[in-house]
Amino acid sequence: MVEVALKEMGNPSLLIALDYLVLLTTAKPEKYVMAALRWHRRFELEARTLTLAESQLALSLLVAMGEGDADAVDVLRRLLRKVRPTLLPKVS
């Protein structure tokens, strides 16, 4: 059901896609790794300012998230706001 909703959205923001990854960690963990890699690829392409260290941090956080670290999601959200991806609404 969630996959259908995401497809109907066309190109959901990275924040919405991150929420989808959270769902995958428990509902369909077998799909998590490939979805996380696709998310990271978009993250690298859409970030307006991104260092190599931030890219590596994001990938490490995705690994931690897949292993059940709930705090990793919050750090990824903060990192998203920092690098300002093109599809992320501006938040003050």
N, C-alpha and C. Protein backbone atom coordinates (compact mmCIF):
# COMPACT_ATOMS: atom_id res chain seq x y z
N MET A 1 0.82 -1.19 0.00
CA MET A 1 0.00 0.00 0.00
C MET A 1 0.87 1.26 0.00
N VAL A 2 1.91 1.27 0.82
CA VAL A 2 2.79 2.43 0.91
C VAL A 2 3.52 2.64 -0.41
N GLU A 3 3.97 1.53 -1.03
CA GLU A 3 4.67 1.63 -2.31
C GLU A 3 3.79 2.29 -3.37
N VAL A 4 2.51 1.95 -3.38
CA VAL A 4 1.58 2.53 -4.35
C VAL A 4 1.46 4.03 -4.11
N ALA A 5 1.34 4.43 -2.87
CA ALA A 5 1.23 5.85 -2.54
C ALA A 5 2.48 6.60 -2.97
N LEU A 6 3.65 6.02 -2.75
CA LEU A 6 4.89 6.68 -3.16
C LEU A 6 4.96 6.83 -4.67
N LYS A 7 4.55 5.80 -5.40
CA LYS A 7 4.56 5.88 -6.87
C LYS A 7 3.60 6.95 -7.36
N GLU A 8 2.47 7.08 -6.71
CA GLU A 8 1.50 8.10 -7.11
C GLU A 8 2.03 9.51 -6.84
N MET A 9 2.90 9.64 -5.84
CA MET A 9 3.48 10.95 -5.53
C MET A 9 4.49 11.37 -6.59
N GLY A 10 4.99 10.41 -7.35
CA GLY A 10 5.96 10.74 -8.38
C GLY A 10 7.37 10.77 -7.82
N ASN A 11 7.76 11.90 -7.29
CA ASN A 11 9.10 12.07 -6.76
C ASN A 11 8.99 12.66 -5.35
N PRO A 12 8.73 11.81 -4.36
CA PRO A 12 8.56 12.33 -3.00
C PRO A 12 9.86 12.93 -2.48
N SER A 13 9.76 13.83 -1.54
CA SER A 13 10.94 14.45 -0.95
C SER A 13 11.79 13.39 -0.26
N LEU A 14 13.03 13.72 -0.01
CA LEU A 14 13.91 12.81 0.71
C LEU A 14 13.42 12.56 2.13
N LEU A 15 12.74 13.53 2.72
CA LEU A 15 12.17 13.31 4.06
C LEU A 15 11.08 12.25 4.03
N ILE A 16 10.22 12.31 3.04
CA ILE A 16 9.17 11.30 2.91
C ILE A 16 9.79 9.94 2.59
N ALA A 17 10.79 9.94 1.72
CA ALA A 17 11.48 8.69 1.39
C ALA A 17 12.18 8.12 2.63
N LEU A 18 12.67 8.98 3.49
CA LEU A 18 13.30 8.52 4.73
C LEU A 18 12.26 7.86 5.64
N ASP A 19 11.08 8.44 5.71
CA ASP A 19 10.01 7.82 6.50
C ASP A 19 9.66 6.43 5.95
N TYR A 20 9.70 6.29 4.63
CA TYR A 20 9.46 4.99 4.00
C TYR A 20 10.55 4.00 4.43
N LEU A 21 11.80 4.44 4.49
CA LEU A 21 12.87 3.56 4.93
C LEU A 21 12.64 3.08 6.36
N VAL A 22 12.15 3.97 7.20
CA VAL A 22 11.84 3.58 8.58
C VAL A 22 10.82 2.46 8.59
N LEU A 23 9.80 2.59 7.76
CA LEU A 23 8.78 1.53 7.67
C LEU A 23 9.39 0.22 7.19
N LEU A 24 10.28 0.30 6.22
CA LEU A 24 10.89 -0.92 5.69
C LEU A 24 11.71 -1.67 6.73
N THR A 25 12.33 -0.95 7.64
CA THR A 25 13.19 -1.63 8.62
C THR A 25 12.43 -2.68 9.43
N THR A 26 11.13 -2.45 9.61
CA THR A 26 10.35 -3.43 10.37
C THR A 26 9.40 -4.23 9.50
N ALA A 27 8.78 -3.58 8.51
CA ALA A 27 7.77 -4.26 7.71
C ALA A 27 8.37 -5.17 6.62
N LYS A 28 9.42 -4.70 5.97
CA LYS A 28 10.03 -5.47 4.88
C LYS A 28 11.55 -5.29 4.89
N PRO A 29 12.20 -5.82 5.92
CA PRO A 29 13.65 -5.59 6.03
C PRO A 29 14.45 -6.11 4.84
N GLU A 30 13.92 -7.08 4.13
CA GLU A 30 14.64 -7.62 2.96
C GLU A 30 14.74 -6.59 1.83
N LYS A 31 13.89 -5.59 1.83
CA LYS A 31 13.92 -4.54 0.81
C LYS A 31 14.72 -3.31 1.27
N TYR A 32 15.09 -3.28 2.53
CA TYR A 32 15.71 -2.08 3.10
C TYR A 32 17.02 -1.69 2.43
N VAL A 33 17.92 -2.63 2.24
CA VAL A 33 19.26 -2.30 1.75
C VAL A 33 19.20 -1.61 0.39
N MET A 34 18.47 -2.17 -0.54
CA MET A 34 18.40 -1.56 -1.87
C MET A 34 17.71 -0.20 -1.83
N ALA A 35 16.66 -0.09 -1.01
CA ALA A 35 15.96 1.19 -0.89
C ALA A 35 16.87 2.23 -0.23
N ALA A 36 17.66 1.82 0.75
CA ALA A 36 18.59 2.75 1.42
C ALA A 36 19.66 3.22 0.44
N LEU A 37 20.16 2.33 -0.40
CA LEU A 37 21.15 2.73 -1.40
C LEU A 37 20.56 3.72 -2.40
N ARG A 38 19.32 3.48 -2.82
CA ARG A 38 18.66 4.43 -3.74
C ARG A 38 18.47 5.78 -3.05
N TRP A 39 18.09 5.77 -1.78
CA TRP A 39 17.92 7.01 -1.03
C TRP A 39 19.25 7.77 -0.97
N HIS A 40 20.32 7.06 -0.67
CA HIS A 40 21.63 7.71 -0.57
C HIS A 40 22.06 8.30 -1.91
N ARG A 41 21.78 7.60 -2.99
CA ARG A 41 22.11 8.12 -4.33
C ARG A 41 21.37 9.44 -4.57
N ARG A 42 20.09 9.48 -4.25
CA ARG A 42 19.33 10.73 -4.40
C ARG A 42 19.87 11.82 -3.49
N PHE A 43 20.21 11.44 -2.27
CA PHE A 43 20.77 12.38 -1.30
C PHE A 43 22.01 13.06 -1.90
N GLU A 44 22.89 12.28 -2.48
CA GLU A 44 24.10 12.84 -3.07
C GLU A 44 23.79 13.73 -4.28
N LEU A 45 22.83 13.35 -5.07
CA LEU A 45 22.49 14.12 -6.27
C LEU A 45 21.75 15.41 -5.96
N GLU A 46 20.91 15.40 -4.94
CA GLU A 46 20.05 16.54 -4.67
C GLU A 46 20.60 17.53 -3.65
N ALA A 47 21.62 17.13 -2.91
CA ALA A 47 22.18 18.03 -1.90
C ALA A 47 22.84 19.23 -2.57
N ARG A 48 22.53 20.41 -2.07
CA ARG A 48 23.13 21.63 -2.62
C ARG A 48 24.53 21.83 -2.08
N THR A 49 24.72 21.48 -0.84
CA THR A 49 26.05 21.55 -0.22
C THR A 49 26.29 20.21 0.45
N LEU A 50 27.31 19.52 0.04
CA LEU A 50 27.58 18.20 0.60
C LEU A 50 29.07 17.93 0.56
N THR A 51 29.61 17.55 1.70
CA THR A 51 31.01 17.16 1.74
C THR A 51 31.09 15.64 1.67
N LEU A 52 32.28 15.17 1.41
CA LEU A 52 32.51 13.73 1.38
C LEU A 52 32.22 13.13 2.76
N ALA A 53 32.60 13.82 3.81
CA ALA A 53 32.35 13.34 5.17
C ALA A 53 30.85 13.24 5.46
N GLU A 54 30.07 14.20 4.99
CA GLU A 54 28.61 14.17 5.20
C GLU A 54 27.98 13.01 4.42
N SER A 55 28.48 12.76 3.23
CA SER A 55 27.97 11.64 2.45
C SER A 55 28.28 10.32 3.15
N GLN A 56 29.48 10.20 3.66
CA GLN A 56 29.88 9.01 4.39
C GLN A 56 29.06 8.86 5.68
N LEU A 57 28.83 9.97 6.36
CA LEU A 57 28.01 9.95 7.57
C LEU A 57 26.60 9.45 7.26
N ALA A 58 26.01 9.95 6.19
CA ALA A 58 24.66 9.53 5.81
C ALA A 58 24.62 8.03 5.55
N LEU A 59 25.61 7.53 4.85
CA LEU A 59 25.64 6.10 4.57
C LEU A 59 25.80 5.28 5.86
N SER A 60 26.64 5.75 6.76
CA SER A 60 26.81 5.06 8.05
C SER A 60 25.53 5.09 8.86
N LEU A 61 24.82 6.20 8.81
CA LEU A 61 23.56 6.31 9.54
C LEU A 61 22.50 5.38 8.95
N LEU A 62 22.51 5.21 7.64
CA LEU A 62 21.58 4.27 7.01
C LEU A 62 21.87 2.84 7.46
N VAL A 63 23.14 2.50 7.58
CA VAL A 63 23.51 1.17 8.09
C VAL A 63 23.00 1.01 9.52
N ALA A 64 23.25 2.01 10.36
CA ALA A 64 22.80 1.95 11.75
C ALA A 64 21.28 1.84 11.83
N MET A 65 20.60 2.59 10.98
CA MET A 65 19.14 2.55 10.96
C MET A 65 18.65 1.15 10.62
N GLY A 66 19.29 0.53 9.64
CA GLY A 66 18.91 -0.83 9.25
C GLY A 66 19.17 -1.85 10.34
N GLU A 67 20.06 -1.50 11.26
CA GLU A 67 20.36 -2.39 12.39
C GLU A 67 19.53 -2.05 13.62
N GLY A 68 18.55 -1.14 13.45
CA GLY A 68 17.62 -0.85 14.53
C GLY A 68 17.92 0.38 15.37
N ASP A 69 18.88 1.19 14.96
CA ASP A 69 19.23 2.40 15.72
C ASP A 69 18.24 3.52 15.38
N ALA A 70 17.29 3.76 16.27
CA ALA A 70 16.25 4.77 16.03
C ALA A 70 16.82 6.19 16.02
N ASP A 71 17.90 6.42 16.75
CA ASP A 71 18.50 7.76 16.78
C ASP A 71 19.09 8.16 15.44
N ALA A 72 19.46 7.18 14.62
CA ALA A 72 20.05 7.47 13.31
C ALA A 72 19.09 8.26 12.43
N VAL A 73 17.81 8.01 12.57
CA VAL A 73 16.81 8.71 11.76
C VAL A 73 16.81 10.20 12.07
N ASP A 74 16.86 10.55 13.33
CA ASP A 74 16.88 11.96 13.72
C ASP A 74 18.12 12.67 13.20
N VAL A 75 19.26 12.00 13.26
CA VAL A 75 20.49 12.60 12.76
C VAL A 75 20.41 12.78 11.23
N LEU A 76 19.84 11.81 10.54
CA LEU A 76 19.66 11.94 9.09
C LEU A 76 18.75 13.12 8.75
N ARG A 77 17.71 13.31 9.52
CA ARG A 77 16.81 14.45 9.28
C ARG A 77 17.54 15.77 9.45
N ARG A 78 18.37 15.85 10.50
CA ARG A 78 19.15 17.08 10.71
C ARG A 78 20.15 17.28 9.58
N LEU A 79 20.77 16.21 9.13
CA LEU A 79 21.72 16.31 8.03
C LEU A 79 21.02 16.76 6.75
N LEU A 80 19.82 16.27 6.52
CA LEU A 80 19.05 16.71 5.35
C LEU A 80 18.81 18.22 5.39
N ARG A 81 18.45 18.73 6.53
CA ARG A 81 18.22 20.17 6.63
C ARG A 81 19.51 20.96 6.39
N LYS A 82 20.61 20.40 6.81
CA LYS A 82 21.90 21.08 6.64
C LYS A 82 22.32 21.17 5.18
N VAL A 83 22.16 20.09 4.43
CA VAL A 83 22.65 20.07 3.04
C VAL A 83 21.62 20.60 2.05
N ARG A 84 20.41 20.87 2.53
CA ARG A 84 19.36 21.50 1.74
C ARG A 84 19.16 20.87 0.36
N PRO A 85 18.64 19.65 0.31
CA PRO A 85 18.37 19.04 -0.99
C PRO A 85 17.36 19.87 -1.78
N THR A 86 17.42 19.77 -3.08
CA THR A 86 16.60 20.61 -3.95
C THR A 86 15.11 20.43 -3.74
N LEU A 87 14.65 19.25 -3.37
CA LEU A 87 13.22 19.01 -3.21
C LEU A 87 12.73 19.18 -1.78
N LEU A 88 13.61 19.53 -0.86
CA LEU A 88 13.22 19.71 0.53
C LEU A 88 12.66 21.11 0.73
N PRO A 89 11.45 21.23 1.26
CA PRO A 89 10.92 22.57 1.52
C PRO A 89 11.80 23.31 2.52
N LYS A 90 11.96 24.59 2.31
CA LYS A 90 12.80 25.40 3.20
C LYS A 90 12.14 25.51 4.57
N VAL A 91 12.92 25.19 5.60
CA VAL A 91 12.45 25.26 6.98
C VAL A 91 13.30 26.28 7.72
N SER A 92 12.67 27.20 8.41
CA SER A 92 13.43 28.22 9.15
C SER A 92 13.89 27.69 10.48
